[in-house]
Amino acid sequence: MITKDNKAKAIAKLARSDKDVGSPEVQVSVLTERIKEVTEHVKANKHDYMAKRGLIPMVGKRKKLLKHLEKSDFESYKATVAKLGLRK
């Protein structure tokens, strides 16, 4: 589970303004943090199939958000991928 501090850091990393919590960039950033935490958990607990099952929709949602961002604002997409260190 992502902590408040980690979530706040993820939001601050890509927020457009002070109160921005819903832009695609911020949503991708928060999902990336959650995915990293669950991935580490799954590596340590190989038989936790429910965690694996929850990880798959998170990755799919992030992929859809990135695809939307790529179509709507390509420069923002490139900046987001670069800041988060995602492969694309």
N, C-alpha and C. Protein backbone atom coordinates (compact mmCIF):
# COMPACT_ATOMS: atom_id res chain seq x y z
N MET A 1 0.85 -1.18 0.00
CA MET A 1 0.00 0.00 0.00
C MET A 1 0.89 1.24 0.00
N ILE A 2 0.57 2.17 -0.84
CA ILE A 2 1.37 3.39 -0.97
C ILE A 2 1.07 4.32 0.22
N THR A 3 2.11 4.87 0.80
CA THR A 3 1.94 5.75 1.96
C THR A 3 1.59 7.16 1.49
N LYS A 4 1.10 7.97 2.42
CA LYS A 4 0.74 9.35 2.09
C LYS A 4 1.94 10.14 1.61
N ASP A 5 3.09 9.91 2.25
CA ASP A 5 4.30 10.63 1.87
C ASP A 5 4.74 10.28 0.45
N ASN A 6 4.73 8.97 0.13
CA ASN A 6 5.12 8.55 -1.21
C ASN A 6 4.15 9.08 -2.26
N LYS A 7 2.87 9.09 -1.92
CA LYS A 7 1.88 9.59 -2.86
C LYS A 7 2.05 11.09 -3.07
N ALA A 8 2.31 11.82 -2.00
CA ALA A 8 2.52 13.27 -2.11
C ALA A 8 3.75 13.57 -2.95
N LYS A 9 4.82 12.79 -2.79
CA LYS A 9 6.03 12.98 -3.59
C LYS A 9 5.75 12.70 -5.07
N ALA A 10 4.98 11.64 -5.34
CA ALA A 10 4.65 11.28 -6.71
C ALA A 10 3.80 12.37 -7.36
N ILE A 11 2.88 12.94 -6.59
CA ILE A 11 2.03 14.02 -7.11
C ILE A 11 2.86 15.26 -7.37
N ALA A 12 3.73 15.62 -6.43
CA ALA A 12 4.54 16.83 -6.57
C ALA A 12 5.51 16.73 -7.75
N LYS A 13 5.92 15.51 -8.08
CA LYS A 13 6.89 15.31 -9.16
C LYS A 13 6.37 15.81 -10.50
N LEU A 14 5.07 15.62 -10.78
CA LEU A 14 4.54 15.93 -12.10
C LEU A 14 3.29 16.81 -12.09
N ALA A 15 2.97 17.42 -10.97
CA ALA A 15 1.75 18.23 -10.90
C ALA A 15 1.88 19.49 -11.74
N ARG A 16 0.80 19.88 -12.39
CA ARG A 16 0.78 21.10 -13.20
C ARG A 16 0.66 22.34 -12.32
N SER A 17 -0.06 22.19 -11.20
CA SER A 17 -0.23 23.30 -10.26
C SER A 17 -0.21 22.75 -8.85
N ASP A 18 -0.43 23.61 -7.86
CA ASP A 18 -0.38 23.18 -6.46
C ASP A 18 -1.48 22.18 -6.11
N LYS A 19 -2.66 22.36 -6.67
CA LYS A 19 -3.80 21.53 -6.30
C LYS A 19 -4.12 20.46 -7.34
N ASP A 20 -3.21 20.20 -8.24
CA ASP A 20 -3.43 19.23 -9.30
C ASP A 20 -3.23 17.81 -8.78
N VAL A 21 -4.31 17.02 -8.78
CA VAL A 21 -4.22 15.62 -8.39
C VAL A 21 -4.89 14.70 -9.41
N GLY A 22 -5.42 15.25 -10.48
CA GLY A 22 -6.18 14.42 -11.41
C GLY A 22 -5.70 14.42 -12.83
N SER A 23 -4.66 15.18 -13.15
CA SER A 23 -4.18 15.20 -14.52
C SER A 23 -3.57 13.83 -14.87
N PRO A 24 -3.54 13.50 -16.14
CA PRO A 24 -2.99 12.19 -16.52
C PRO A 24 -1.55 11.99 -16.06
N GLU A 25 -0.76 13.05 -16.06
CA GLU A 25 0.64 12.92 -15.63
C GLU A 25 0.70 12.48 -14.17
N VAL A 26 -0.12 13.09 -13.33
CA VAL A 26 -0.13 12.77 -11.90
C VAL A 26 -0.66 11.36 -11.68
N GLN A 27 -1.72 11.00 -12.41
CA GLN A 27 -2.28 9.66 -12.27
C GLN A 27 -1.25 8.59 -12.65
N VAL A 28 -0.49 8.84 -13.72
CA VAL A 28 0.54 7.90 -14.14
C VAL A 28 1.63 7.81 -13.08
N SER A 29 1.99 8.94 -12.50
CA SER A 29 3.03 8.96 -11.48
C SER A 29 2.62 8.15 -10.25
N VAL A 30 1.40 8.33 -9.79
CA VAL A 30 0.90 7.61 -8.61
C VAL A 30 0.80 6.11 -8.92
N LEU A 31 0.28 5.78 -10.10
CA LEU A 31 0.19 4.37 -10.48
C LEU A 31 1.57 3.74 -10.57
N THR A 32 2.55 4.47 -11.06
CA THR A 32 3.90 3.94 -11.16
C THR A 32 4.46 3.61 -9.78
N GLU A 33 4.21 4.47 -8.81
CA GLU A 33 4.67 4.20 -7.44
C GLU A 33 3.99 2.96 -6.87
N ARG A 34 2.68 2.84 -7.10
CA ARG A 34 1.96 1.65 -6.62
C ARG A 34 2.48 0.39 -7.30
N ILE A 35 2.72 0.47 -8.60
CA ILE A 35 3.21 -0.69 -9.34
C ILE A 35 4.58 -1.11 -8.82
N LYS A 36 5.45 -0.16 -8.53
CA LYS A 36 6.77 -0.49 -7.99
C LYS A 36 6.65 -1.23 -6.66
N GLU A 37 5.78 -0.74 -5.78
CA GLU A 37 5.62 -1.38 -4.47
C GLU A 37 5.05 -2.79 -4.60
N VAL A 38 4.03 -2.96 -5.43
CA VAL A 38 3.42 -4.29 -5.58
C VAL A 38 4.40 -5.24 -6.27
N THR A 39 5.19 -4.73 -7.20
CA THR A 39 6.17 -5.57 -7.88
C THR A 39 7.21 -6.10 -6.89
N GLU A 40 7.68 -5.25 -6.00
CA GLU A 40 8.63 -5.69 -4.98
C GLU A 40 7.99 -6.74 -4.06
N HIS A 41 6.72 -6.54 -3.72
CA HIS A 41 6.01 -7.50 -2.88
C HIS A 41 5.89 -8.85 -3.59
N VAL A 42 5.56 -8.83 -4.87
CA VAL A 42 5.40 -10.07 -5.63
C VAL A 42 6.73 -10.79 -5.78
N LYS A 43 7.82 -10.05 -5.92
CA LYS A 43 9.13 -10.69 -6.00
C LYS A 43 9.47 -11.42 -4.71
N ALA A 44 9.09 -10.83 -3.58
CA ALA A 44 9.38 -11.44 -2.29
C ALA A 44 8.41 -12.58 -1.96
N ASN A 45 7.17 -12.49 -2.46
CA ASN A 45 6.13 -13.48 -2.16
C ASN A 45 5.61 -14.07 -3.47
N LYS A 46 6.32 -15.03 -3.98
CA LYS A 46 6.03 -15.57 -5.30
C LYS A 46 4.65 -16.23 -5.41
N HIS A 47 4.11 -16.70 -4.32
CA HIS A 47 2.82 -17.40 -4.37
C HIS A 47 1.64 -16.50 -4.03
N ASP A 48 1.84 -15.21 -3.97
CA ASP A 48 0.74 -14.28 -3.71
C ASP A 48 0.06 -13.95 -5.04
N TYR A 49 -0.83 -14.84 -5.45
CA TYR A 49 -1.47 -14.71 -6.75
C TYR A 49 -2.45 -13.55 -6.80
N MET A 50 -3.03 -13.19 -5.68
CA MET A 50 -3.97 -12.07 -5.67
C MET A 50 -3.23 -10.75 -5.91
N ALA A 51 -2.03 -10.63 -5.41
CA ALA A 51 -1.25 -9.42 -5.68
C ALA A 51 -0.89 -9.35 -7.16
N LYS A 52 -0.52 -10.50 -7.75
CA LYS A 52 -0.23 -10.53 -9.18
C LYS A 52 -1.46 -10.14 -9.98
N ARG A 53 -2.60 -10.64 -9.52
CA ARG A 53 -3.84 -10.36 -10.23
C ARG A 53 -4.22 -8.88 -10.13
N GLY A 54 -3.89 -8.24 -9.02
CA GLY A 54 -4.16 -6.81 -8.88
C GLY A 54 -3.17 -5.96 -9.64
N LEU A 55 -1.98 -6.48 -9.86
CA LEU A 55 -0.95 -5.75 -10.57
C LEU A 55 -1.28 -5.57 -12.05
N ILE A 56 -1.87 -6.56 -12.65
CA ILE A 56 -2.15 -6.54 -14.08
C ILE A 56 -3.09 -5.39 -14.47
N PRO A 57 -4.22 -5.16 -13.77
CA PRO A 57 -5.06 -4.01 -14.15
C PRO A 57 -4.38 -2.66 -13.92
N MET A 58 -3.52 -2.57 -12.91
CA MET A 58 -2.80 -1.31 -12.68
C MET A 58 -1.89 -0.99 -13.86
N VAL A 59 -1.19 -1.99 -14.36
CA VAL A 59 -0.30 -1.78 -15.50
C VAL A 59 -1.13 -1.41 -16.72
N GLY A 60 -2.27 -2.05 -16.91
CA GLY A 60 -3.15 -1.74 -18.04
C GLY A 60 -3.70 -0.33 -17.98
N LYS A 61 -4.07 0.10 -16.78
CA LYS A 61 -4.60 1.45 -16.62
C LYS A 61 -3.52 2.49 -16.91
N ARG A 62 -2.31 2.24 -16.43
CA ARG A 62 -1.21 3.17 -16.70
C ARG A 62 -0.94 3.24 -18.20
N LYS A 63 -1.02 2.09 -18.86
CA LYS A 63 -0.78 2.05 -20.31
C LYS A 63 -1.83 2.88 -21.06
N LYS A 64 -3.09 2.76 -20.65
CA LYS A 64 -4.16 3.54 -21.28
C LYS A 64 -3.98 5.03 -21.04
N LEU A 65 -3.60 5.40 -19.81
CA LEU A 65 -3.38 6.81 -19.52
C LEU A 65 -2.21 7.37 -20.34
N LEU A 66 -1.15 6.59 -20.48
CA LEU A 66 -0.02 7.04 -21.29
C LEU A 66 -0.40 7.17 -22.76
N LYS A 67 -1.21 6.25 -23.24
CA LYS A 67 -1.66 6.33 -24.64
C LYS A 67 -2.50 7.58 -24.86
N HIS A 68 -3.39 7.89 -23.92
CA HIS A 68 -4.20 9.11 -24.00
C HIS A 68 -3.32 10.35 -23.98
N LEU A 69 -2.35 10.36 -23.09
CA LEU A 69 -1.44 11.50 -22.98
C LEU A 69 -0.61 11.66 -24.25
N GLU A 70 -0.20 10.55 -24.85
CA GLU A 70 0.59 10.60 -26.08
C GLU A 70 -0.22 11.22 -27.21
N LYS A 71 -1.51 10.89 -27.30
CA LYS A 71 -2.35 11.42 -28.35
C LYS A 71 -2.69 12.89 -28.12
N SER A 72 -2.94 13.27 -26.88
CA SER A 72 -3.42 14.62 -26.60
C SER A 72 -2.30 15.65 -26.47
N ASP A 73 -1.18 15.28 -25.82
CA ASP A 73 -0.10 16.24 -25.57
C ASP A 73 1.23 15.49 -25.60
N PHE A 74 1.83 15.42 -26.77
CA PHE A 74 3.02 14.59 -26.95
C PHE A 74 4.21 15.09 -26.15
N GLU A 75 4.38 16.40 -26.04
CA GLU A 75 5.51 16.95 -25.28
C GLU A 75 5.40 16.58 -23.80
N SER A 76 4.20 16.67 -23.26
CA SER A 76 3.97 16.28 -21.87
C SER A 76 4.20 14.78 -21.68
N TYR A 77 3.81 14.01 -22.67
CA TYR A 77 4.03 12.56 -22.64
C TYR A 77 5.53 12.24 -22.56
N LYS A 78 6.32 12.88 -23.42
CA LYS A 78 7.76 12.64 -23.42
C LYS A 78 8.38 13.03 -22.09
N ALA A 79 7.94 14.16 -21.53
CA ALA A 79 8.48 14.62 -20.25
C ALA A 79 8.12 13.64 -19.13
N THR A 80 6.88 13.15 -19.14
CA THR A 80 6.42 12.22 -18.11
C THR A 80 7.21 10.91 -18.17
N VAL A 81 7.38 10.37 -19.35
CA VAL A 81 8.11 9.11 -19.51
C VAL A 81 9.57 9.30 -19.07
N ALA A 82 10.14 10.44 -19.40
CA ALA A 82 11.54 10.69 -19.03
C ALA A 82 11.70 10.84 -17.51
N LYS A 83 10.79 11.58 -16.87
CA LYS A 83 10.89 11.80 -15.42
C LYS A 83 10.68 10.52 -14.63
N LEU A 84 9.78 9.67 -15.11
CA LEU A 84 9.48 8.45 -14.37
C LEU A 84 10.40 7.29 -14.76
N GLY A 85 11.16 7.47 -15.81
CA GLY A 85 12.09 6.42 -16.23
C GLY A 85 11.39 5.21 -16.81
N LEU A 86 10.30 5.43 -17.53
CA LEU A 86 9.57 4.32 -18.15
C LEU A 86 10.13 4.02 -19.52
N ARG A 87 10.01 2.78 -19.94
CA ARG A 87 10.45 2.41 -21.29
C ARG A 87 9.31 2.68 -22.24
N LYS A 88 9.60 3.38 -23.31
CA LYS A 88 8.59 3.62 -24.34
C LYS A 88 9.30 4.01 -25.60
